[in-house]
N, C-alpha and C. Protein backbone atom coordinates (compact mmCIF):
# COMPACT_ATOMS: atom_id res chain seq x y z
N MET A 1 75.55 16.25 -115.39
CA MET A 1 74.98 17.44 -115.19
C MET A 1 75.54 18.06 -113.94
N GLU A 2 76.06 19.02 -113.78
CA GLU A 2 76.81 20.01 -112.79
C GLU A 2 76.00 20.64 -112.14
N PHE A 3 76.09 20.36 -110.69
CA PHE A 3 75.06 21.19 -109.82
C PHE A 3 75.36 22.53 -109.35
N ARG A 4 74.37 23.36 -109.46
CA ARG A 4 74.88 24.98 -109.23
C ARG A 4 73.26 25.26 -108.52
N GLY A 5 73.29 26.40 -108.16
CA GLY A 5 71.70 27.06 -107.93
C GLY A 5 71.50 27.48 -106.44
N LEU A 6 72.59 27.13 -105.40
CA LEU A 6 71.98 27.36 -104.29
C LEU A 6 72.81 28.90 -103.80
N ARG A 7 71.92 29.91 -103.91
CA ARG A 7 72.32 31.17 -103.94
C ARG A 7 71.30 32.15 -103.09
N GLY A 8 71.94 33.26 -102.19
CA GLY A 8 71.00 34.11 -101.63
C GLY A 8 71.00 33.68 -100.22
N SER A 9 70.25 34.10 -99.27
CA SER A 9 70.18 33.27 -97.91
C SER A 9 68.64 33.63 -97.31
N ALA A 10 68.37 33.00 -96.26
CA ALA A 10 66.88 33.02 -95.95
C ALA A 10 67.20 32.71 -94.29
N SER A 11 66.38 33.00 -93.61
CA SER A 11 66.10 32.87 -92.07
C SER A 11 65.66 31.55 -91.89
N ALA A 12 65.99 30.81 -90.84
CA ALA A 12 65.61 29.74 -90.32
C ALA A 12 65.57 29.59 -89.04
N ARG A 13 65.39 28.48 -88.31
CA ARG A 13 65.21 28.12 -87.14
C ARG A 13 65.73 26.67 -86.84
N ILE A 14 66.66 26.74 -85.67
CA ILE A 14 66.87 25.45 -85.04
C ILE A 14 66.02 25.07 -84.03
N ASP A 15 65.42 23.82 -83.94
CA ASP A 15 64.08 23.50 -83.03
C ASP A 15 64.88 23.01 -81.82
N ASP A 16 64.20 22.76 -80.65
CA ASP A 16 64.66 22.29 -79.47
C ASP A 16 65.29 20.75 -79.41
N LYS A 17 65.24 19.98 -80.74
CA LYS A 17 65.71 18.75 -80.79
C LYS A 17 66.83 18.88 -81.76
N GLY A 18 67.54 20.03 -82.12
CA GLY A 18 68.84 20.31 -83.00
C GLY A 18 68.45 20.28 -84.40
N ARG A 19 67.15 20.41 -84.96
CA ARG A 19 66.75 20.03 -86.06
C ARG A 19 66.71 21.55 -86.83
N LEU A 20 67.24 21.66 -88.14
CA LEU A 20 67.17 22.67 -89.05
C LEU A 20 66.06 22.26 -90.14
N LYS A 21 65.14 23.26 -90.29
CA LYS A 21 64.36 23.25 -91.33
C LYS A 21 64.84 23.94 -92.48
N ILE A 22 65.35 23.34 -93.66
CA ILE A 22 65.87 24.09 -94.76
C ILE A 22 65.00 24.89 -95.29
N PRO A 23 65.35 26.03 -95.58
CA PRO A 23 64.28 27.03 -96.23
C PRO A 23 63.80 26.57 -97.39
N THR A 24 62.87 26.72 -98.00
CA THR A 24 62.02 25.97 -99.06
C THR A 24 62.86 26.41 -100.33
N THR A 25 63.52 27.39 -100.67
CA THR A 25 63.87 27.67 -101.72
C THR A 25 65.34 26.95 -102.11
N PHE A 26 65.96 26.56 -101.04
CA PHE A 26 67.19 25.91 -100.84
C PHE A 26 66.53 24.29 -100.85
N ARG A 27 65.55 23.92 -100.30
CA ARG A 27 65.33 22.52 -100.14
C ARG A 27 64.61 22.12 -101.46
N THR A 28 64.02 22.77 -102.27
CA THR A 28 63.44 22.39 -103.57
C THR A 28 64.61 22.11 -104.57
N VAL A 29 65.56 22.95 -104.52
CA VAL A 29 66.72 22.75 -105.49
C VAL A 29 67.49 21.55 -104.95
N ILE A 30 67.78 21.43 -103.96
CA ILE A 30 68.72 20.30 -103.35
C ILE A 30 68.00 18.86 -103.66
N GLN A 31 66.48 18.74 -103.24
CA GLN A 31 65.92 17.58 -103.44
C GLN A 31 65.47 17.41 -104.76
N ASP A 32 65.40 18.30 -105.67
CA ASP A 32 64.91 18.08 -107.23
C ASP A 32 66.05 17.65 -107.81
N GLN A 33 67.38 18.17 -107.62
CA GLN A 33 68.38 18.14 -108.26
C GLN A 33 69.73 16.70 -107.71
N GLN A 34 69.40 16.70 -106.24
CA GLN A 34 70.49 15.84 -105.60
C GLN A 34 69.79 14.75 -104.64
N GLY A 35 68.69 14.91 -104.52
CA GLY A 35 67.98 14.02 -103.49
C GLY A 35 68.25 14.29 -101.86
N PRO A 36 67.84 13.49 -100.91
CA PRO A 36 67.46 13.89 -99.59
C PRO A 36 68.79 13.71 -98.80
N ASP A 37 69.86 13.15 -99.42
CA ASP A 37 70.80 12.78 -98.36
C ASP A 37 72.02 13.97 -98.41
N VAL A 38 72.57 14.34 -97.35
CA VAL A 38 73.47 15.33 -97.24
C VAL A 38 74.36 15.00 -96.22
N PHE A 39 75.68 15.78 -96.50
CA PHE A 39 76.66 15.60 -95.35
C PHE A 39 76.71 16.88 -94.65
N VAL A 40 76.65 17.04 -93.18
CA VAL A 40 76.48 18.24 -92.58
C VAL A 40 77.89 18.20 -91.67
N THR A 41 78.59 19.28 -91.81
CA THR A 41 80.00 19.22 -91.25
C THR A 41 80.51 21.03 -90.95
N SER A 42 81.59 20.95 -90.69
CA SER A 42 82.21 22.19 -90.63
C SER A 42 83.94 22.12 -90.62
N VAL A 43 84.40 23.26 -91.39
CA VAL A 43 86.06 23.19 -91.37
C VAL A 43 86.59 23.93 -90.07
N THR A 44 85.68 25.09 -89.70
CA THR A 44 86.35 26.06 -88.78
C THR A 44 85.74 25.69 -87.27
N GLY A 45 84.33 25.22 -87.30
CA GLY A 45 83.51 25.34 -86.20
C GLY A 45 82.79 26.39 -85.88
N GLU A 46 83.05 27.36 -86.86
CA GLU A 46 82.16 28.73 -86.75
C GLU A 46 80.89 28.57 -87.33
N CYS A 47 80.56 27.69 -88.46
CA CYS A 47 79.35 27.89 -88.93
C CYS A 47 79.29 26.07 -89.45
N VAL A 48 78.08 26.00 -89.83
CA VAL A 48 77.64 24.58 -90.17
C VAL A 48 77.62 24.46 -92.03
N ARG A 49 78.15 23.52 -92.51
CA ARG A 49 78.01 23.12 -93.98
C ARG A 49 77.08 22.15 -94.35
N ILE A 50 76.31 22.40 -95.24
CA ILE A 50 75.35 21.14 -95.44
C ILE A 50 75.78 21.02 -97.12
N TYR A 51 76.16 19.85 -97.31
CA TYR A 51 76.66 19.52 -98.88
C TYR A 51 75.58 18.44 -99.26
N PRO A 52 75.11 18.82 -100.48
CA PRO A 52 74.05 17.67 -100.78
C PRO A 52 75.16 16.45 -101.20
N MET A 53 74.61 15.22 -101.07
CA MET A 53 75.72 14.06 -100.88
C MET A 53 76.35 13.91 -102.09
N PRO A 54 75.66 14.04 -103.54
CA PRO A 54 76.57 13.66 -104.55
C PRO A 54 77.54 15.04 -104.69
N VAL A 55 77.60 16.20 -104.22
CA VAL A 55 78.65 17.25 -104.07
C VAL A 55 79.46 16.95 -103.31
N TRP A 56 79.27 16.33 -101.96
CA TRP A 56 80.31 16.07 -101.18
C TRP A 56 81.13 14.62 -101.66
N LEU A 57 80.52 13.60 -102.20
CA LEU A 57 80.98 12.69 -102.93
C LEU A 57 81.97 13.05 -104.10
N GLU A 58 81.91 14.19 -104.74
CA GLU A 58 82.48 14.43 -105.99
C GLU A 58 84.03 15.23 -105.30
N LEU A 59 83.21 16.05 -104.05
CA LEU A 59 84.88 16.53 -103.39
C LEU A 59 85.61 15.73 -102.96
N GLU A 60 84.99 14.36 -102.30
CA GLU A 60 85.89 13.25 -101.73
C GLU A 60 86.80 12.64 -103.03
N ARG A 61 86.08 12.79 -104.23
CA ARG A 61 86.90 12.20 -105.28
C ARG A 61 88.02 12.95 -105.67
N GLN A 62 87.95 14.16 -105.48
CA GLN A 62 88.97 15.09 -105.98
C GLN A 62 90.05 15.11 -104.82
N LEU A 63 89.50 15.13 -103.59
CA LEU A 63 90.48 15.04 -102.32
C LEU A 63 91.39 13.84 -102.51
N GLU A 64 90.91 12.56 -103.02
CA GLU A 64 91.56 11.43 -103.28
C GLU A 64 92.82 11.60 -104.15
N GLN A 65 92.90 12.61 -104.89
CA GLN A 65 93.99 12.66 -105.98
C GLN A 65 95.03 13.59 -105.30
N ILE A 66 94.81 14.04 -104.11
CA ILE A 66 95.87 14.55 -103.17
C ILE A 66 96.69 13.51 -102.23
N PRO A 67 97.97 13.71 -102.25
CA PRO A 67 98.61 12.49 -101.35
C PRO A 67 98.33 12.76 -99.88
N ASP A 68 98.37 11.46 -99.42
CA ASP A 68 97.54 11.25 -98.19
C ASP A 68 98.42 12.08 -96.93
N ASP A 69 99.77 12.26 -97.52
CA ASP A 69 100.57 12.78 -96.62
C ASP A 69 100.58 14.57 -96.50
N HIS A 70 99.80 14.93 -97.31
CA HIS A 70 99.60 16.44 -97.62
C HIS A 70 99.06 16.88 -96.31
N PRO A 71 99.84 18.16 -95.58
CA PRO A 71 99.49 18.39 -94.23
C PRO A 71 98.01 19.26 -94.34
N ALA A 72 97.74 20.03 -95.37
CA ALA A 72 96.57 20.46 -95.40
C ALA A 72 95.26 19.72 -95.30
N LEU A 73 95.58 18.76 -96.31
CA LEU A 73 94.48 17.58 -96.35
C LEU A 73 94.14 16.91 -95.32
N SER A 74 95.25 16.61 -94.37
CA SER A 74 95.04 16.05 -92.93
C SER A 74 94.24 16.80 -92.01
N LYS A 75 94.81 18.12 -91.91
CA LYS A 75 94.00 19.11 -91.35
C LYS A 75 92.47 18.97 -91.61
N PHE A 76 92.25 19.20 -93.08
CA PHE A 76 90.89 19.08 -93.39
C PHE A 76 90.01 18.16 -93.01
N LEU A 77 90.58 16.95 -93.33
CA LEU A 77 89.97 15.72 -92.87
C LEU A 77 89.80 15.56 -91.56
N ASP A 78 90.66 16.32 -90.73
CA ASP A 78 90.35 15.93 -89.25
C ASP A 78 89.06 16.59 -88.98
N ARG A 79 89.03 17.81 -89.39
CA ARG A 79 87.95 18.76 -89.13
C ARG A 79 86.58 18.29 -89.46
N VAL A 80 86.58 17.97 -90.84
CA VAL A 80 85.24 17.50 -91.49
C VAL A 80 84.81 16.47 -91.00
N SER A 81 85.72 15.54 -90.72
CA SER A 81 85.29 14.27 -89.97
C SER A 81 84.79 14.29 -88.39
N TYR A 82 85.44 15.31 -87.73
CA TYR A 82 84.99 15.45 -86.24
C TYR A 82 83.60 16.28 -86.25
N TYR A 83 83.46 17.03 -87.06
CA TYR A 83 81.86 17.80 -87.09
C TYR A 83 81.14 16.84 -88.01
N GLY A 84 81.39 15.93 -88.94
CA GLY A 84 80.84 15.47 -89.93
C GLY A 84 79.80 14.72 -89.30
N GLN A 85 78.62 14.45 -90.16
CA GLN A 85 77.63 13.29 -89.92
C GLN A 85 76.65 13.66 -91.34
N VAL A 86 76.43 12.11 -91.75
CA VAL A 86 75.56 11.80 -92.72
C VAL A 86 74.16 12.38 -92.30
N SER A 87 73.27 12.85 -92.90
CA SER A 87 71.95 13.04 -92.50
C SER A 87 71.03 12.93 -93.84
N GLU A 88 69.77 13.11 -93.78
CA GLU A 88 68.69 13.20 -94.69
C GLU A 88 67.50 13.95 -94.23
N LEU A 89 67.26 14.71 -95.37
CA LEU A 89 66.07 15.65 -95.16
C LEU A 89 64.73 14.63 -94.83
N ASP A 90 64.22 15.16 -93.81
CA ASP A 90 62.99 14.22 -93.47
C ASP A 90 61.81 14.78 -94.32
N GLY A 91 60.91 14.31 -93.89
CA GLY A 91 59.42 14.63 -94.85
C GLY A 91 59.14 16.01 -94.69
N GLN A 92 59.54 16.79 -93.77
CA GLN A 92 59.29 18.20 -93.55
C GLN A 92 60.45 18.98 -93.91
N GLY A 93 61.30 18.31 -94.56
CA GLY A 93 62.58 19.15 -94.89
C GLY A 93 63.93 19.73 -93.78
N ARG A 94 63.75 18.81 -92.85
CA ARG A 94 64.65 19.11 -91.63
C ARG A 94 65.77 18.17 -91.58
N ILE A 95 66.84 18.63 -91.01
CA ILE A 95 67.96 17.83 -90.91
C ILE A 95 68.53 18.01 -89.46
N VAL A 96 69.03 17.07 -88.56
CA VAL A 96 69.78 17.27 -87.11
C VAL A 96 70.95 17.78 -87.49
N ILE A 97 71.51 18.93 -86.76
CA ILE A 97 72.77 19.32 -86.71
C ILE A 97 73.35 18.61 -85.50
N PRO A 98 74.67 18.00 -85.69
CA PRO A 98 75.09 17.43 -84.49
C PRO A 98 75.29 18.41 -83.10
N GLN A 99 75.15 17.84 -82.22
CA GLN A 99 75.12 18.99 -80.81
C GLN A 99 76.57 19.61 -80.79
N HIS A 100 77.65 18.94 -80.80
CA HIS A 100 78.65 19.56 -80.59
C HIS A 100 79.05 20.68 -81.60
N LEU A 101 78.55 20.43 -82.91
CA LEU A 101 78.56 21.45 -84.08
C LEU A 101 77.74 22.55 -83.63
N ARG A 102 76.54 22.32 -83.17
CA ARG A 102 75.76 23.60 -82.83
C ARG A 102 76.41 24.30 -81.60
N GLU A 103 77.01 24.00 -80.78
CA GLU A 103 77.75 24.54 -79.70
C GLU A 103 78.82 25.28 -80.30
N SER A 104 79.54 24.75 -80.99
CA SER A 104 80.72 25.10 -81.55
C SER A 104 80.47 26.30 -82.44
N ALA A 105 79.52 26.43 -83.28
CA ALA A 105 79.01 27.37 -84.14
C ALA A 105 78.15 28.53 -83.59
N SER A 106 77.65 28.16 -82.30
CA SER A 106 76.43 28.88 -81.63
C SER A 106 75.37 29.00 -82.37
N ILE A 107 74.86 27.58 -82.97
CA ILE A 107 73.60 27.63 -83.77
C ILE A 107 72.55 27.25 -82.88
N VAL A 108 71.68 28.27 -82.55
CA VAL A 108 70.51 27.82 -81.41
C VAL A 108 69.45 29.00 -81.97
N GLY A 109 68.32 28.37 -81.87
CA GLY A 109 67.09 29.53 -82.25
C GLY A 109 67.11 29.93 -83.81
N ASP A 110 67.11 31.00 -83.87
CA ASP A 110 67.14 31.74 -85.06
C ASP A 110 68.54 31.88 -85.86
N VAL A 111 68.57 31.51 -87.13
CA VAL A 111 69.84 31.28 -87.74
C VAL A 111 69.86 31.93 -89.20
N ARG A 112 70.85 32.09 -89.92
CA ARG A 112 70.76 32.32 -91.28
C ARG A 112 71.41 31.51 -92.03
N VAL A 113 70.75 31.01 -93.24
CA VAL A 113 71.08 29.90 -94.27
C VAL A 113 71.84 30.74 -95.43
N PHE A 114 73.05 30.22 -95.75
CA PHE A 114 73.32 30.92 -96.94
C PHE A 114 73.65 30.03 -98.24
N GLY A 115 73.40 30.43 -99.10
CA GLY A 115 73.86 29.55 -100.55
C GLY A 115 75.03 29.76 -100.89
N ARG A 116 75.77 28.72 -101.25
CA ARG A 116 77.47 28.75 -101.55
C ARG A 116 77.45 28.16 -102.84
N ILE A 117 76.59 28.51 -103.84
CA ILE A 117 76.34 27.87 -104.96
C ILE A 117 76.20 26.25 -105.18
N THR A 118 76.96 25.55 -104.54
CA THR A 118 76.64 24.05 -104.29
C THR A 118 76.45 23.33 -103.29
N TYR A 119 76.61 24.46 -101.95
CA TYR A 119 76.51 23.77 -100.73
C TYR A 119 75.67 24.90 -100.07
N LEU A 120 75.33 24.92 -98.67
CA LEU A 120 74.85 25.57 -97.79
C LEU A 120 75.60 25.75 -96.62
N GLU A 121 75.62 27.09 -96.06
CA GLU A 121 76.27 27.47 -94.69
C GLU A 121 75.29 28.00 -93.97
N VAL A 122 75.12 27.58 -92.77
CA VAL A 122 74.34 28.05 -91.72
C VAL A 122 75.35 28.79 -90.69
N TRP A 123 74.70 30.05 -90.20
CA TRP A 123 75.29 31.19 -89.48
C TRP A 123 74.54 31.53 -88.21
N ASN A 124 74.99 31.53 -87.08
CA ASN A 124 74.56 32.63 -85.96
C ASN A 124 74.60 34.08 -86.74
N ASP A 125 73.48 34.72 -86.86
CA ASP A 125 73.58 36.05 -87.46
C ASP A 125 74.56 36.92 -86.81
N GLU A 126 74.58 37.15 -85.54
CA GLU A 126 75.62 37.85 -84.94
C GLU A 126 76.95 37.53 -85.32
N ARG A 127 77.33 36.36 -85.01
CA ARG A 127 78.45 35.93 -85.57
C ARG A 127 78.88 36.19 -86.91
N PHE A 128 78.14 36.07 -87.61
CA PHE A 128 78.29 36.42 -89.32
C PHE A 128 78.44 37.96 -89.43
N LEU A 129 77.73 38.67 -89.02
CA LEU A 129 77.95 40.44 -89.09
C LEU A 129 79.39 40.57 -88.58
N GLN A 130 79.77 40.15 -87.25
CA GLN A 130 81.19 40.19 -86.84
C GLN A 130 82.11 39.83 -87.68
N LYS A 131 82.03 38.76 -88.53
CA LYS A 131 82.70 38.27 -89.78
C LYS A 131 82.66 39.46 -90.90
N LEU A 132 81.79 39.97 -90.87
CA LEU A 132 81.63 40.78 -92.09
C LEU A 132 82.71 41.98 -91.81
N GLN A 133 82.35 42.57 -90.76
CA GLN A 133 83.22 43.54 -90.03
C GLN A 133 84.53 43.40 -89.91
N ARG A 134 85.18 42.24 -89.37
CA ARG A 134 86.43 41.92 -89.31
C ARG A 134 87.15 41.75 -90.65
N GLN A 135 86.43 41.40 -91.75
CA GLN A 135 86.99 41.01 -93.23
C GLN A 135 86.15 42.00 -94.07
N PRO A 136 86.46 43.06 -94.18
CA PRO A 136 85.50 44.26 -95.19
C PRO A 136 86.02 43.64 -96.64
N TRP A 137 85.14 44.05 -97.50
CA TRP A 137 85.38 43.85 -98.92
C TRP A 137 86.26 45.01 -99.44
N THR A 138 87.29 44.71 -100.04
CA THR A 138 88.17 45.68 -100.61
C THR A 138 88.27 45.55 -102.17
N ASP A 139 88.89 46.82 -102.93
CA ASP A 139 88.99 46.65 -104.12
C ASP A 139 90.10 45.65 -104.56
N GLU A 140 91.03 45.40 -103.74
CA GLU A 140 92.21 44.24 -103.76
C GLU A 140 91.42 43.02 -104.09
N ASP A 141 90.33 42.79 -103.15
CA ASP A 141 89.48 41.42 -103.12
C ASP A 141 88.81 41.37 -104.60
N GLY A 142 88.22 42.46 -105.04
CA GLY A 142 87.55 42.46 -106.27
C GLY A 142 88.57 42.25 -107.44
N PHE A 143 89.67 42.76 -107.36
CA PHE A 143 90.80 42.42 -108.47
C PHE A 143 90.97 40.99 -108.40
N ARG A 144 91.56 40.44 -107.23
CA ARG A 144 91.91 39.09 -107.27
C ARG A 144 90.93 38.27 -107.49
N LEU A 145 89.58 38.26 -107.18
CA LEU A 145 88.72 37.58 -107.84
C LEU A 145 88.44 37.60 -109.23
N SER A 146 88.68 38.85 -109.68
CA SER A 146 88.39 38.99 -111.22
C SER A 146 89.69 38.27 -111.83
N GLU A 147 90.73 38.24 -111.53
CA GLU A 147 91.90 37.71 -112.03
C GLU A 147 91.83 36.19 -112.05
N GLN A 148 91.31 35.72 -110.86
CA GLN A 148 90.82 34.28 -110.68
C GLN A 148 89.96 33.68 -111.65
N LEU A 149 88.88 34.50 -111.95
CA LEU A 149 87.85 34.30 -112.88
C LEU A 149 88.30 34.14 -114.18
N ARG A 150 89.01 34.98 -114.66
CA ARG A 150 89.48 35.22 -115.77
C ARG A 150 90.69 33.95 -116.14
N SER A 151 91.39 33.47 -115.26
CA SER A 151 92.17 32.43 -115.22
C SER A 151 91.59 31.25 -115.53
N VAL A 152 90.39 31.16 -115.18
CA VAL A 152 89.55 29.82 -115.27
C VAL A 152 88.34 29.92 -116.57
N GLY A 153 88.60 31.25 -117.13
CA GLY A 153 87.90 31.06 -118.47
C GLY A 153 86.49 31.53 -118.20
N ARG A 154 86.05 32.16 -117.10
CA ARG A 154 84.60 32.37 -116.73
C ARG A 154 84.34 33.90 -117.01
N VAL A 155 85.18 34.74 -117.10
CA VAL A 155 84.90 36.07 -117.34
C VAL A 155 85.76 36.64 -118.38
N ARG A 156 85.46 37.26 -119.28
CA ARG A 156 86.11 37.72 -120.40
C ARG A 156 86.48 39.26 -120.26
């Protein structure tokens, strides 16, 4: 069974111990379909990515198909390893975000959690709004996405 279903966004809070309580709408999907283990990481340091462990393991399986000397693979692995940490949702649905990742992503206090279909992203609200302003959606974006979806047979 292919995992999907993390969509929309919800407010959340990082507590004084660096724990994020995963919003119920996401927590239910992850725990029911994937279990409590997750991989917490980032690629850019701007936000936090939370992968259910089976999703992360499938991504690793796909990455194993890329030659070890591929420069983009090396850069990707450098970053996800630096920021990365295996975690487990506790009984209250919380996970610890590593301190250096919290600092890099300015993840303190109130945050926003976004569903990215198969994983979650956690953003500082102000930083995310700045990103939206820097990268406005254009007709060209819509066209390119539509073309890509057609090429994989998802839109007719």
